């Protein structure tokens, strides 16, 4: 069962307080109980997104980043199965309808910052697409002053492998997200 919406400020990825060029942000914390609920979070998130949105997903291996992206792609109505793009780095999923395409990036194997990401031409595809980047911390923030950052981790106090409960911290950065109500993400 998903936890109620918590408007408490989330910490920045990697700890500390989120820093933005504009100082404008909003946040929420969610508890997600299992892979089906994570995929459903992706579906709810898709309803909030529009062309030009940049979404960063952070968390350890197996946290549910690709599962969330799968639900997002399903709700956006894009072509192709949304799977981990670890070995191809990026996949473009064209829309099957009138919605935006989804650009799904896995920056896990990329070490550098935006310089290494330039070959992907994300700055070109961002205005007409929804771009979701797994492992994008410190690598793609310069693409947009407006971005949504989701940090996924195991539920606090329970590090057992059998536990599928995840804590998700959602931080909207920039003017695009300042007036956005994140409570629909709580389901």
C-alpha atoms as a PDB file:
ATOM      1  CA  UNK A   1       0.000   0.000   0.000  1.00  0.00           C
ATOM      2  CA  UNK A   2       1.346   3.438  -0.901  1.00  0.00           C
ATOM      3  CA  UNK A   3       1.871   5.877   1.940  1.00  0.00           C
ATOM      4  CA  UNK A   4       0.118   9.218   2.044  1.00  0.00           C
ATOM      5  CA  UNK A   5       1.681  12.257   0.472  1.00  0.00           C
ATOM      6  CA  UNK A   6       4.335  13.874   2.656  1.00  0.00           C
ATOM      7  CA  UNK A   7       5.177  17.432   1.620  1.00  0.00           C
ATOM      8  CA  UNK A   8       8.318  17.516   3.767  1.00  0.00           C
ATOM      9  CA  UNK A   9      11.385  18.658   1.877  1.00  0.00           C
ATOM     10  CA  UNK A  10      13.431  15.829   0.490  1.00  0.00           C
ATOM     11  CA  UNK A  11      17.179  15.777   0.697  1.00  0.00           C
ATOM     12  CA  UNK A  12      19.173  16.197  -2.445  1.00  0.00           C
ATOM     13  CA  UNK A  13      20.489  13.132  -4.223  1.00  0.00           C
ATOM     14  CA  UNK A  14      23.581  12.080  -2.376  1.00  0.00           C
ATOM     15  CA  UNK A  15      22.423  13.826   0.811  1.00  0.00           C
ATOM     16  CA  UNK A  16      22.278  17.439   1.869  1.00  0.00           C
ATOM     17  CA  UNK A  17      19.822  20.012   0.664  1.00  0.00           C
ATOM     18  CA  UNK A  18      18.981  20.407  -2.998  1.00  0.00           C
ATOM     19  CA  UNK A  19      20.744  23.298  -4.684  1.00  0.00           C
ATOM     20  CA  UNK A  20      19.228  25.031  -7.670  1.00  0.00           C
ATOM     21  CA  UNK A  21      20.176  27.987  -9.777  1.00  0.00           C
ATOM     22  CA  UNK A  22      16.705  29.416  -9.222  1.00  0.00           C
ATOM     23  CA  UNK A  23      16.209  28.242  -5.648  1.00  0.00           C
ATOM     24  CA  UNK A  24      12.714  27.056  -6.659  1.00  0.00           C
ATOM     25  CA  UNK A  25      11.668  23.516  -5.756  1.00  0.00           C
ATOM     26  CA  UNK A  26       8.919  21.311  -4.395  1.00  0.00           C
ATOM     27  CA  UNK A  27       9.153  17.831  -2.905  1.00  0.00           C
ATOM     28  CA  UNK A  28       7.331  14.758  -1.663  1.00  0.00           C
ATOM     29  CA  UNK A  29       8.181  11.436  -0.029  1.00  0.00           C
ATOM     30  CA  UNK A  30       6.407   8.224  -0.882  1.00  0.00           C
ATOM     31  CA  UNK A  31       6.513   4.629   0.299  1.00  0.00           C
ATOM     32  CA  UNK A  32       6.061   2.183  -2.567  1.00  0.00           C
ATOM     33  CA  UNK A  33       5.200  -1.429  -1.741  1.00  0.00           C
ATOM     34  CA  UNK A  34       6.593  -3.641  -4.482  1.00  0.00           C
ATOM     35  CA  UNK A  35       7.268  -3.667  -8.215  1.00  0.00           C
ATOM     36  CA  UNK A  36       3.612  -3.347  -9.259  1.00  0.00           C
ATOM     37  CA  UNK A  37       3.252  -0.223  -7.124  1.00  0.00           C
ATOM     38  CA  UNK A  38       6.510   1.159  -8.584  1.00  0.00           C
ATOM     39  CA  UNK A  39       5.199   0.642 -12.110  1.00  0.00           C
ATOM     40  CA  UNK A  40       1.955   2.326 -11.078  1.00  0.00           C
ATOM     41  CA  UNK A  41       3.975   5.291  -9.755  1.00  0.00           C
ATOM     42  CA  UNK A  42       5.453   5.565 -13.262  1.00  0.00           C
ATOM     43  CA  UNK A  43       1.937   5.648 -14.720  1.00  0.00           C
ATOM     44  CA  UNK A  44       0.886   8.416 -12.319  1.00  0.00           C
ATOM     45  CA  UNK A  45       4.063  10.354 -13.053  1.00  0.00           C
ATOM     46  CA  UNK A  46       3.399  10.167 -16.810  1.00  0.00           C
ATOM     47  CA  UNK A  47       0.145  12.077 -16.309  1.00  0.00           C
ATOM     48  CA  UNK A  48       2.139  15.003 -14.911  1.00  0.00           C
ATOM     49  CA  UNK A  49       4.776  15.136 -17.633  1.00  0.00           C
ATOM     50  CA  UNK A  50       4.858  17.107 -20.863  1.00  0.00           C
ATOM     51  CA  UNK A  51       7.315  17.534 -23.739  1.00  0.00           C
ATOM     52  CA  UNK A  52      10.554  19.082 -22.533  1.00  0.00           C
ATOM     53  CA  UNK A  53      10.474  17.477 -19.094  1.00  0.00           C
ATOM     54  CA  UNK A  54      13.681  15.983 -17.719  1.00  0.00           C
ATOM     55  CA  UNK A  55      13.357  13.257 -15.072  1.00  0.00           C
ATOM     56  CA  UNK A  56      16.365  11.900 -13.175  1.00  0.00           C
ATOM     57  CA  UNK A  57      16.137   8.536 -11.414  1.00  0.00           C
ATOM     58  CA  UNK A  58      18.657   7.643  -8.717  1.00  0.00           C
ATOM     59  CA  UNK A  59      19.041   4.616  -6.507  1.00  0.00           C
ATOM     60  CA  UNK A  60      21.071   1.447  -6.110  1.00  0.00           C
ATOM     61  CA  UNK A  61      20.963  -1.496  -8.497  1.00  0.00           C
ATOM     62  CA  UNK A  62      17.589  -3.213  -8.212  1.00  0.00           C
ATOM     63  CA  UNK A  63      15.858  -0.209  -6.651  1.00  0.00           C
ATOM     64  CA  UNK A  64      13.126  -0.074  -9.305  1.00  0.00           C
ATOM     65  CA  UNK A  65      14.286   2.682 -11.662  1.00  0.00           C
ATOM     66  CA  UNK A  66      13.576   0.720 -14.849  1.00  0.00           C
ATOM     67  CA  UNK A  67      10.307  -0.613 -13.415  1.00  0.00           C
ATOM     68  CA  UNK A  68       9.175   2.985 -12.853  1.00  0.00           C
ATOM     69  CA  UNK A  69      10.302   3.907 -16.395  1.00  0.00           C
ATOM     70  CA  UNK A  70       8.301   0.960 -17.762  1.00  0.00           C
ATOM     71  CA  UNK A  71       5.096   2.266 -16.151  1.00  0.00           C
ATOM     72  CA  UNK A  72       5.843   5.751 -17.443  1.00  0.00           C
ATOM     73  CA  UNK A  73       6.330   4.483 -20.999  1.00  0.00           C
ATOM     74  CA  UNK A  74       3.137   2.438 -20.801  1.00  0.00           C
ATOM     75  CA  UNK A  75       1.098   5.461 -19.711  1.00  0.00           C
ATOM     76  CA  UNK A  76       2.692   7.719 -22.342  1.00  0.00           C
ATOM     77  CA  UNK A  77       1.684   5.175 -24.974  1.00  0.00           C
ATOM     78  CA  UNK A  78       5.083   4.732 -26.572  1.00  0.00           C
ATOM     79  CA  UNK A  79       6.284   2.062 -28.979  1.00  0.00           C
ATOM     80  CA  UNK A  80       8.519  -0.738 -27.795  1.00  0.00           C
ATOM     81  CA  UNK A  81       9.169  -2.394 -24.483  1.00  0.00           C
ATOM     82  CA  UNK A  82      10.819  -0.079 -21.968  1.00  0.00           C
ATOM     83  CA  UNK A  83      13.777  -2.081 -20.714  1.00  0.00           C
ATOM     84  CA  UNK A  84      17.072  -1.115 -19.179  1.00  0.00           C
ATOM     85  CA  UNK A  85      19.186   0.671 -21.796  1.00  0.00           C
ATOM     86  CA  UNK A  86      22.424  -0.088 -19.906  1.00  0.00           C
ATOM     87  CA  UNK A  87      24.335  -1.461 -22.882  1.00  0.00           C
ATOM     88  CA  UNK A  88      22.927   0.854 -25.553  1.00  0.00           C
ATOM     89  CA  UNK A  89      22.991   3.896 -23.206  1.00  0.00           C
ATOM     90  CA  UNK A  90      19.808   5.441 -24.684  1.00  0.00           C
ATOM     91  CA  UNK A  91      16.614   4.346 -26.398  1.00  0.00           C
ATOM     92  CA  UNK A  92      14.045   6.516 -28.107  1.00  0.00           C
ATOM     93  CA  UNK A  93      10.469   5.251 -27.828  1.00  0.00           C
ATOM     94  CA  UNK A  94       8.250   7.101 -30.331  1.00  0.00           C
ATOM     95  CA  UNK A  95       4.693   7.857 -29.319  1.00  0.00           C
ATOM     96  CA  UNK A  96       1.976   5.635 -30.745  1.00  0.00           C
ATOM     97  CA  UNK A  97      -0.491   8.514 -30.405  1.00  0.00           C
ATOM     98  CA  UNK A  98      -0.298  12.262 -30.067  1.00  0.00           C
ATOM     99  CA  UNK A  99       1.860  12.288 -26.912  1.00  0.00           C
ATOM    100  CA  UNK A 100       5.571  12.983 -26.648  1.00  0.00           C
ATOM    101  CA  UNK A 101       8.234  10.390 -27.399  1.00  0.00           C
ATOM    102  CA  UNK A 102      10.152   8.948 -24.456  1.00  0.00           C
ATOM    103  CA  UNK A 103      13.948   9.082 -24.424  1.00  0.00           C
ATOM    104  CA  UNK A 104      15.170   6.568 -21.834  1.00  0.00           C
ATOM    105  CA  UNK A 105      18.832   6.924 -20.866  1.00  0.00           C
ATOM    106  CA  UNK A 106      20.992   4.810 -18.575  1.00  0.00           C
ATOM    107  CA  UNK A 107      24.099   6.791 -17.622  1.00  0.00           C
ATOM    108  CA  UNK A 108      25.488   4.052 -15.341  1.00  0.00           C
ATOM    109  CA  UNK A 109      28.415   3.252 -17.631  1.00  0.00           C
ATOM    110  CA  UNK A 110      29.224   6.898 -18.296  1.00  0.00           C
ATOM    111  CA  UNK A 111      31.774   8.405 -15.952  1.00  0.00           C
ATOM    112  CA  UNK A 112      31.956  12.060 -16.929  1.00  0.00           C
ATOM    113  CA  UNK A 113      29.464  14.852 -16.776  1.00  0.00           C
ATOM    114  CA  UNK A 114      27.547  16.500 -19.578  1.00  0.00           C
ATOM    115  CA  UNK A 115      30.591  16.327 -21.897  1.00  0.00           C
ATOM    116  CA  UNK A 116      30.242  12.559 -22.179  1.00  0.00           C
ATOM    117  CA  UNK A 117      26.471  12.872 -22.641  1.00  0.00           C
ATOM    118  CA  UNK A 118      26.733  15.328 -25.564  1.00  0.00           C
ATOM    119  CA  UNK A 119      27.010  12.543 -28.133  1.00  0.00           C
ATOM    120  CA  UNK A 120      23.478  11.482 -27.188  1.00  0.00           C
ATOM    121  CA  UNK A 121      22.088  14.857 -28.360  1.00  0.00           C
ATOM    122  CA  UNK A 122      19.745  15.035 -25.390  1.00  0.00           C
ATOM    123  CA  UNK A 123      19.644  18.814 -25.672  1.00  0.00           C
ATOM    124  CA  UNK A 124      18.201  18.378 -29.184  1.00  0.00           C
ATOM    125  CA  UNK A 125      15.556  15.804 -28.247  1.00  0.00           C
ATOM    126  CA  UNK A 126      14.572  17.360 -24.902  1.00  0.00           C
ATOM    127  CA  UNK A 127      12.183  20.078 -26.176  1.00  0.00           C
ATOM    128  CA  UNK A 128       9.806  17.631 -27.885  1.00  0.00           C
ATOM    129  CA  UNK A 129      10.342  14.555 -25.683  1.00  0.00           C
ATOM    130  CA  UNK A 130      10.102  13.369 -22.125  1.00  0.00           C
ATOM    131  CA  UNK A 131      13.671  12.443 -21.174  1.00  0.00           C
ATOM    132  CA  UNK A 132      14.189  10.060 -18.267  1.00  0.00           C
ATOM    133  CA  UNK A 133      17.765   9.403 -17.134  1.00  0.00           C
ATOM    134  CA  UNK A 134      18.752   6.599 -14.795  1.00  0.00           C
ATOM    135  CA  UNK A 135      22.007   7.240 -12.903  1.00  0.00           C
ATOM    136  CA  UNK A 136      22.013  10.854 -14.146  1.00  0.00           C
ATOM    137  CA  UNK A 137      23.196  12.582 -10.952  1.00  0.00           C
ATOM    138  CA  UNK A 138      25.966  15.022 -11.738  1.00  0.00           C
ATOM    139  CA  UNK A 139      25.716  14.278 -15.454  1.00  0.00           C
ATOM    140  CA  UNK A 140      22.645  15.894 -16.995  1.00  0.00           C
ATOM    141  CA  UNK A 141      21.397  18.598 -14.639  1.00  0.00           C
ATOM    142  CA  UNK A 142      22.781  21.272 -16.962  1.00  0.00           C
ATOM    143  CA  UNK A 143      20.311  20.230 -19.668  1.00  0.00           C
ATOM    144  CA  UNK A 144      17.474  22.051 -17.928  1.00  0.00           C
ATOM    145  CA  UNK A 145      16.922  24.312 -14.947  1.00  0.00           C
ATOM    146  CA  UNK A 146      13.586  22.484 -14.631  1.00  0.00           C
ATOM    147  CA  UNK A 147      13.795  18.829 -13.717  1.00  0.00           C
ATOM    148  CA  UNK A 148      12.154  16.222 -11.554  1.00  0.00           C
ATOM    149  CA  UNK A 149      14.456  14.095  -9.447  1.00  0.00           C
ATOM    150  CA  UNK A 150      13.359  10.781  -7.935  1.00  0.00           C
ATOM    151  CA  UNK A 151      15.639   9.039  -5.460  1.00  0.00           C
ATOM    152  CA  UNK A 152      14.628   5.437  -4.755  1.00  0.00           C
ATOM    153  CA  UNK A 153      15.933   3.463  -1.798  1.00  0.00           C
ATOM    154  CA  UNK A 154      15.025   0.569   0.443  1.00  0.00           C
ATOM    155  CA  UNK A 155      12.641   1.349   3.276  1.00  0.00           C
ATOM    156  CA  UNK A 156      14.578   2.774   6.205  1.00  0.00           C
ATOM    157  CA  UNK A 157      15.609   0.189   8.762  1.00  0.00           C
ATOM    158  CA  UNK A 158      15.006  -2.788   6.463  1.00  0.00           C
ATOM    159  CA  UNK A 159      17.918  -3.789   4.278  1.00  0.00           C
ATOM    160  CA  UNK A 160      16.734  -7.357   3.651  1.00  0.00           C
ATOM    161  CA  UNK A 161      16.703  -8.531   0.066  1.00  0.00           C
ATOM    162  CA  UNK A 162      13.227 -10.017   0.469  1.00  0.00           C
ATOM    163  CA  UNK A 163      11.697  -6.617   1.189  1.00  0.00           C
ATOM    164  CA  UNK A 164      10.299  -4.901  -1.911  1.00  0.00           C
ATOM    165  CA  UNK A 165       9.231  -1.752  -0.047  1.00  0.00           C
ATOM    166  CA  UNK A 166      10.918   1.376  -1.362  1.00  0.00           C
ATOM    167  CA  UNK A 167      11.109   4.946  -0.136  1.00  0.00           C
ATOM    168  CA  UNK A 168      10.913   7.451  -2.992  1.00  0.00           C
ATOM    169  CA  UNK A 169      11.942  11.054  -2.575  1.00  0.00           C
ATOM    170  CA  UNK A 170      10.578  13.292  -5.335  1.00  0.00           C
ATOM    171  CA  UNK A 171      12.079  16.754  -5.817  1.00  0.00           C
ATOM    172  CA  UNK A 172      10.894  19.173  -8.463  1.00  0.00           C
ATOM    173  CA  UNK A 173      13.556  21.729  -9.347  1.00  0.00           C
ATOM    174  CA  UNK A 174      12.973  25.019 -11.143  1.00  0.00           C
ATOM    175  CA  UNK A 175       9.996  27.179 -12.055  1.00  0.00           C
ATOM    176  CA  UNK A 176       8.248  24.382 -14.019  1.00  0.00           C
ATOM    177  CA  UNK A 177       7.836  22.354 -10.826  1.00  0.00           C
ATOM    178  CA  UNK A 178       7.455  25.179  -8.263  1.00  0.00           C
ATOM    179  CA  UNK A 179       3.676  25.384  -8.620  1.00  0.00           C
ATOM    180  CA  UNK A 180       3.148  21.698  -9.391  1.00  0.00           C
ATOM    181  CA  UNK A 181       1.187  19.701  -6.853  1.00  0.00           C
ATOM    182  CA  UNK A 182       3.030  16.406  -6.401  1.00  0.00           C
ATOM    183  CA  UNK A 183       0.285  14.822  -4.282  1.00  0.00           C
ATOM    184  CA  UNK A 184      -1.179  12.853  -7.258  1.00  0.00           C
ATOM    185  CA  UNK A 185       1.984  10.756  -7.164  1.00  0.00           C
ATOM    186  CA  UNK A 186       0.843   9.306  -3.836  1.00  0.00           C
ATOM    187  CA  UNK A 187      -2.011   7.558  -5.639  1.00  0.00           C
END
